[in-house]
Amino acid sequence: MIAIQKHPKGGISRAYAQVIPNAGYKSLKSFIEKHKGIHPNLKTDKWRGYGPLTKNTDYKLTQINSKHGENFPELHRFIMMLNGWLRGIHHSVKHLQAYLDEYTYRFNRHKWKDSIFHNLMNRMVAHQPVKYSKFEIAT
């Protein structure tokens, strides 16, 4: 599942992506609850799984026809960029969630290129030590 947060002046300010087990109500709700943040106005296509979510009072969910992506151009542009990146860099996908995490991390910070290194160093210094045994090594 992919969601974008649009910038008030146009374009995408943040993107979110997560592998979900299915496109049912519970999976969709979990993703929306996790990423709605302070922006309670959501717009989706008319996928029936979103139907029960329109009754939620924590946010306003509006459903519109997709018209083959015409009503969601920024979202489809983001998806095309993600697809191109996956095909160009990785050629195959074995750990999709890890790739989605990497892509959205980079995308959400692409305007902060000058400060990424300093931000990373500050976070590393401030974080509690992590024992080597806590790391999972992908094989």
Protein backbone atom coordinates (compact mmCIF):
# COMPACT_ATOMS: atom_id res chain seq x y z
CA MET A 1 0.00 0.00 0.00
CA ILE A 2 1.30 3.42 -0.90
CA ALA A 3 0.14 6.80 0.34
CA ILE A 4 1.42 10.29 -0.29
CA GLN A 5 1.06 13.53 1.60
CA LYS A 6 0.64 16.43 -0.78
CA HIS A 7 2.38 19.73 -0.17
CA PRO A 8 0.01 22.73 0.02
CA LYS A 9 1.93 24.41 -2.82
CA GLY A 10 1.83 21.28 -4.98
CA GLY A 11 3.89 18.14 -5.28
CA ILE A 12 4.56 15.45 -2.71
CA SER A 13 5.89 16.32 0.73
CA ARG A 14 6.04 12.75 2.16
CA ALA A 15 5.42 9.22 0.97
CA TYR A 16 4.58 6.04 2.86
CA ALA A 17 4.69 2.44 1.66
CA GLN A 18 4.00 -0.83 3.42
CA VAL A 19 3.46 -4.42 2.44
CA ILE A 20 0.02 -5.41 3.74
CA PRO A 21 -1.34 -8.96 3.91
CA ASN A 22 -4.45 -8.14 1.85
CA ALA A 23 -6.57 -5.21 0.67
CA GLY A 24 -9.29 -5.78 3.23
CA TYR A 25 -10.70 -3.34 5.74
CA LYS A 26 -8.46 -4.38 8.67
CA SER A 27 -5.21 -4.06 6.70
CA LEU A 28 -6.23 -0.73 5.19
CA LYS A 29 -7.34 0.64 8.55
CA SER A 30 -4.08 -0.37 10.22
CA PHE A 31 -2.04 1.43 7.54
CA ILE A 32 -4.21 4.57 7.66
CA GLU A 33 -4.14 4.73 11.46
CA LYS A 34 -0.36 4.45 11.41
CA HIS A 35 0.21 7.16 8.78
CA LYS A 36 -2.65 9.65 9.02
CA GLY A 37 -0.65 11.83 11.43
CA ILE A 38 -1.96 15.35 11.82
CA HIS A 39 -3.56 15.33 8.37
CA PRO A 40 -7.04 13.94 8.92
CA ASN A 41 -8.34 14.61 5.40
CA LEU A 42 -7.77 11.54 3.24
CA LYS A 43 -8.69 10.92 -0.38
CA THR A 44 -8.85 7.43 -1.88
CA ASP A 45 -10.23 5.70 -4.91
CA LYS A 46 -13.50 3.82 -4.64
CA TRP A 47 -12.00 0.47 -3.61
CA ARG A 48 -14.69 -1.20 -1.53
CA GLY A 49 -12.28 -2.02 1.29
CA TYR A 50 -12.20 1.69 2.15
CA GLY A 51 -16.00 1.85 2.51
CA PRO A 52 -16.21 1.08 6.26
CA LEU A 53 -13.42 3.61 6.91
CA THR A 54 -15.64 6.49 5.76
CA LYS A 55 -17.59 6.09 9.02
CA ASN A 56 -14.51 6.77 11.19
CA THR A 57 -14.64 10.05 13.10
CA ASP A 58 -10.86 10.41 13.62
CA TYR A 59 -10.37 11.49 10.03
CA LYS A 60 -12.37 12.46 6.96
CA LEU A 61 -12.06 9.95 4.15
CA THR A 62 -13.36 10.98 0.73
CA GLN A 63 -13.66 8.43 -2.06
CA ILE A 64 -13.53 9.47 -5.72
CA ASN A 65 -13.25 7.60 -9.00
CA SER A 66 -9.66 6.98 -10.00
CA LYS A 67 -10.31 7.35 -13.76
CA HIS A 68 -7.30 5.12 -14.48
CA GLY A 69 -5.10 7.29 -12.28
CA GLU A 70 -6.12 10.68 -13.68
CA ASN A 71 -7.44 11.83 -10.28
CA PHE A 72 -4.26 10.74 -8.48
CA PRO A 73 -1.40 11.96 -10.73
CA GLU A 74 1.17 12.55 -7.98
CA LEU A 75 0.55 9.11 -6.49
CA HIS A 76 0.94 7.41 -9.86
CA ARG A 77 4.10 9.41 -10.62
CA PHE A 78 5.54 8.25 -7.28
CA ILE A 79 4.63 4.62 -8.06
CA MET A 80 6.29 4.86 -11.49
CA MET A 81 9.46 6.29 -9.92
CA LEU A 82 9.47 3.48 -7.35
CA ASN A 83 8.98 0.84 -10.06
CA GLY A 84 11.81 2.33 -12.12
CA TRP A 85 14.11 2.37 -9.11
CA LEU A 86 13.32 -1.26 -8.25
CA ARG A 87 13.87 -2.43 -11.82
CA GLY A 88 16.98 -0.36 -12.36
CA ILE A 89 18.78 -1.00 -9.10
CA HIS A 90 17.60 -4.32 -7.76
CA HIS A 91 16.30 -6.25 -10.82
CA SER A 92 14.41 -8.58 -8.47
CA VAL A 93 12.65 -8.10 -5.17
CA LYS A 94 13.18 -10.56 -2.33
CA HIS A 95 12.69 -8.25 0.64
CA LEU A 96 10.02 -5.85 -0.58
CA GLN A 97 9.36 -4.08 2.74
CA ALA A 98 13.05 -3.32 3.20
CA TYR A 99 13.20 -1.84 -0.32
CA LEU A 100 10.05 0.22 0.30
CA ASP A 101 11.52 1.50 3.57
CA GLU A 102 14.75 2.51 1.84
CA TYR A 103 13.01 4.23 -1.05
CA THR A 104 10.56 6.19 1.09
CA TYR A 105 13.35 7.15 3.51
CA ARG A 106 15.41 8.56 0.65
CA PHE A 107 12.43 10.18 -1.04
CA ASN A 108 11.19 11.86 2.13
CA ARG A 109 14.62 13.35 2.75
CA HIS A 110 15.74 14.21 -0.79
CA LYS A 111 15.41 17.95 -0.13
CA TRP A 112 17.60 17.72 2.98
CA LYS A 113 20.75 16.44 1.24
CA ASP A 114 22.99 18.98 2.95
CA SER A 115 21.89 17.96 6.45
CA ILE A 116 21.34 14.19 6.15
CA PHE A 117 24.83 13.25 7.36
CA HIS A 118 24.64 15.53 10.40
CA ASN A 119 21.13 14.34 11.21
CA LEU A 120 22.26 10.71 11.02
CA MET A 121 25.27 11.35 13.26
CA ASN A 122 23.10 13.15 15.84
CA ARG A 123 20.63 10.27 15.91
CA MET A 124 23.40 7.70 16.28
CA VAL A 125 25.01 9.56 19.17
CA ALA A 126 21.69 10.12 20.96
CA HIS A 127 20.46 6.52 20.56
CA GLN A 128 20.92 3.98 23.32
CA PRO A 129 23.57 1.33 22.58
CA VAL A 130 22.31 -1.75 20.74
CA LYS A 131 23.92 -5.13 21.35
CA TYR A 132 25.19 -6.98 18.31
CA SER A 133 22.94 -9.94 19.16
CA LYS A 134 19.86 -7.72 18.52
CA PHE A 135 20.76 -7.25 14.83
CA GLU A 136 19.11 -9.42 12.22
CA ILE A 137 21.37 -10.27 9.34
CA ALA A 138 19.57 -10.73 6.02
CA THR A 139 20.81 -13.64 3.97
